[in-house]
């Protein structure tokens, strides 16, 4: 008699398998990005790059595709000056979003920048 399992014996590699039904689905990177953009503290591009394993230009392109798909995403600055992105909840207005930001004591209130004048380059 051989040591190999027969059809009636349970195989060790299938003993811990998921019960029958729907298999557990791994979230796509786009789903991970959407979830990250829904956090209370908006993530920076650097954080998203680390979390997704993408380069910065890929993260920005994915955010652009989300905008084109109809998601409203606000861009801000962290206390350190890094660009942050946050998904605006459906039905919320930008004014309501700003009111929430005022309530955050640990972050500065974001204001619209003054219009920039023409760029001035130093003589070389």
Protein backbone atom coordinates (compact mmCIF):
# COMPACT_ATOMS: atom_id res chain seq x y z
CA UNK A 1 0.00 0.00 0.00
CA UNK A 2 1.40 3.43 -0.93
CA UNK A 3 1.62 6.49 1.32
CA UNK A 4 -0.28 8.70 -1.10
CA UNK A 5 -3.79 9.72 -0.01
CA UNK A 6 -6.69 8.07 -1.67
CA UNK A 7 -9.82 9.91 -2.82
CA UNK A 8 -11.56 9.22 0.49
CA UNK A 9 -8.75 10.67 2.62
CA UNK A 10 -8.48 14.42 3.23
CA UNK A 11 -5.40 16.02 1.77
CA UNK A 12 -3.40 18.18 4.19
CA UNK A 13 -3.33 21.13 1.78
CA UNK A 14 -7.14 21.23 1.49
CA UNK A 15 -7.92 20.67 5.17
CA UNK A 16 -7.64 24.42 5.92
CA UNK A 17 -9.38 25.54 2.73
CA UNK A 18 -12.32 27.97 2.77
CA UNK A 19 -15.73 26.38 3.13
CA UNK A 20 -17.64 25.99 -0.09
CA UNK A 21 -19.37 29.11 -1.31
CA UNK A 22 -17.95 32.39 -2.49
CA UNK A 23 -14.16 32.62 -2.21
CA UNK A 24 -12.66 35.52 -0.32
CA UNK A 25 -11.95 38.28 -2.85
CA UNK A 26 -8.78 40.30 -2.61
CA UNK A 27 -9.46 44.02 -3.13
CA UNK A 28 -8.06 45.57 -6.29
CA UNK A 29 -5.57 48.39 -6.06
CA UNK A 30 -8.24 50.80 -7.27
CA UNK A 31 -10.48 49.69 -4.39
CA UNK A 32 -7.59 50.12 -1.95
CA UNK A 33 -7.00 53.63 -3.36
CA UNK A 34 -10.67 54.58 -2.96
CA UNK A 35 -10.68 53.32 0.64
CA UNK A 36 -7.49 55.26 1.41
CA UNK A 37 -8.99 58.46 -0.03
CA UNK A 38 -12.03 58.07 2.27
CA UNK A 39 -10.00 58.31 5.51
CA UNK A 40 -10.47 61.20 7.91
CA UNK A 41 -6.85 62.22 7.41
CA UNK A 42 -6.18 62.55 3.70
CA UNK A 43 -3.12 60.57 2.54
CA UNK A 44 -0.15 62.06 0.76
CA UNK A 45 1.14 60.74 -2.54
CA UNK A 46 4.11 59.22 -0.70
CA UNK A 47 1.81 57.24 1.61
CA UNK A 48 -0.26 56.04 -1.34
CA UNK A 49 2.89 55.03 -3.24
CA UNK A 50 4.03 52.93 -0.29
CA UNK A 51 0.63 51.38 0.27
CA UNK A 52 -0.04 50.53 -3.38
CA UNK A 53 3.48 49.84 -4.58
CA UNK A 54 3.07 52.40 -7.35
CA UNK A 55 5.19 55.32 -8.48
CA UNK A 56 3.96 58.88 -7.80
CA UNK A 57 2.89 59.55 -11.40
CA UNK A 58 0.84 56.34 -11.39
CA UNK A 59 -0.96 57.38 -8.18
CA UNK A 60 -1.77 60.80 -9.65
CA UNK A 61 -3.00 59.19 -12.89
CA UNK A 62 -5.27 56.81 -10.95
CA UNK A 63 -6.70 59.77 -9.00
CA UNK A 64 -7.30 61.55 -12.31
CA UNK A 65 -9.17 58.49 -13.63
CA UNK A 66 -11.34 58.50 -10.48
CA UNK A 67 -12.21 62.14 -11.16
CA UNK A 68 -13.12 61.33 -14.76
CA UNK A 69 -15.33 58.51 -13.44
CA UNK A 70 -17.31 61.07 -11.45
CA UNK A 71 -15.69 61.01 -8.01
CA UNK A 72 -15.13 64.39 -6.39
CA UNK A 73 -11.63 64.58 -4.94
CA UNK A 74 -10.27 67.55 -3.03
CA UNK A 75 -6.60 68.41 -3.11
CA UNK A 76 -4.95 69.96 -0.08
CA UNK A 77 -1.62 70.39 1.67
CA UNK A 78 -0.43 68.64 4.82
CA UNK A 79 1.29 70.51 7.63
CA UNK A 80 4.61 69.53 6.03
CA UNK A 81 3.57 70.93 2.65
CA UNK A 82 2.95 67.59 0.93
CA UNK A 83 -0.02 67.31 -1.42
CA UNK A 84 -2.95 65.35 0.00
CA UNK A 85 -6.01 63.91 -1.70
CA UNK A 86 -9.40 63.17 -0.16
CA UNK A 87 -12.61 61.77 -1.60
CA UNK A 88 -15.59 64.04 -0.93
CA UNK A 89 -18.52 61.92 0.30
CA UNK A 90 -21.48 61.71 -2.06
CA UNK A 91 -23.96 64.52 -1.35
CA UNK A 92 -21.42 66.64 0.55
CA UNK A 93 -20.50 70.07 -0.73
CA UNK A 94 -17.07 71.63 -0.67
CA UNK A 95 -18.30 74.09 1.98
CA UNK A 96 -19.38 71.24 4.25
CA UNK A 97 -16.00 69.61 3.73
CA UNK A 98 -14.25 72.83 4.74
CA UNK A 99 -16.38 73.01 7.90
CA UNK A 100 -15.14 69.56 8.86
CA UNK A 101 -11.56 70.70 8.30
CA UNK A 102 -12.05 73.62 10.69
CA UNK A 103 -12.98 71.13 13.40
CA UNK A 104 -9.65 69.36 13.05
CA UNK A 105 -7.44 71.06 15.59
CA UNK A 106 -4.27 69.27 14.52
CA UNK A 107 -4.36 70.43 10.91
CA UNK A 108 -4.32 73.94 9.46
CA UNK A 109 -7.39 75.23 7.67
CA UNK A 110 -6.89 75.14 3.93
CA UNK A 111 -7.63 78.33 2.07
CA UNK A 112 -7.63 79.11 -1.60
CA UNK A 113 -4.31 80.57 -2.73
CA UNK A 114 -4.14 84.11 -4.02
CA UNK A 115 -3.94 84.39 -7.79
CA UNK A 116 -0.37 84.09 -8.93
CA UNK A 117 1.23 86.77 -11.04
CA UNK A 118 3.50 86.12 -13.97
CA UNK A 119 6.50 83.91 -13.25
CA UNK A 120 9.75 85.78 -12.79
CA UNK A 121 12.95 83.91 -13.52
CA UNK A 122 16.35 85.16 -12.35
CA UNK A 123 18.86 86.09 -15.02
CA UNK A 124 21.43 83.41 -15.59
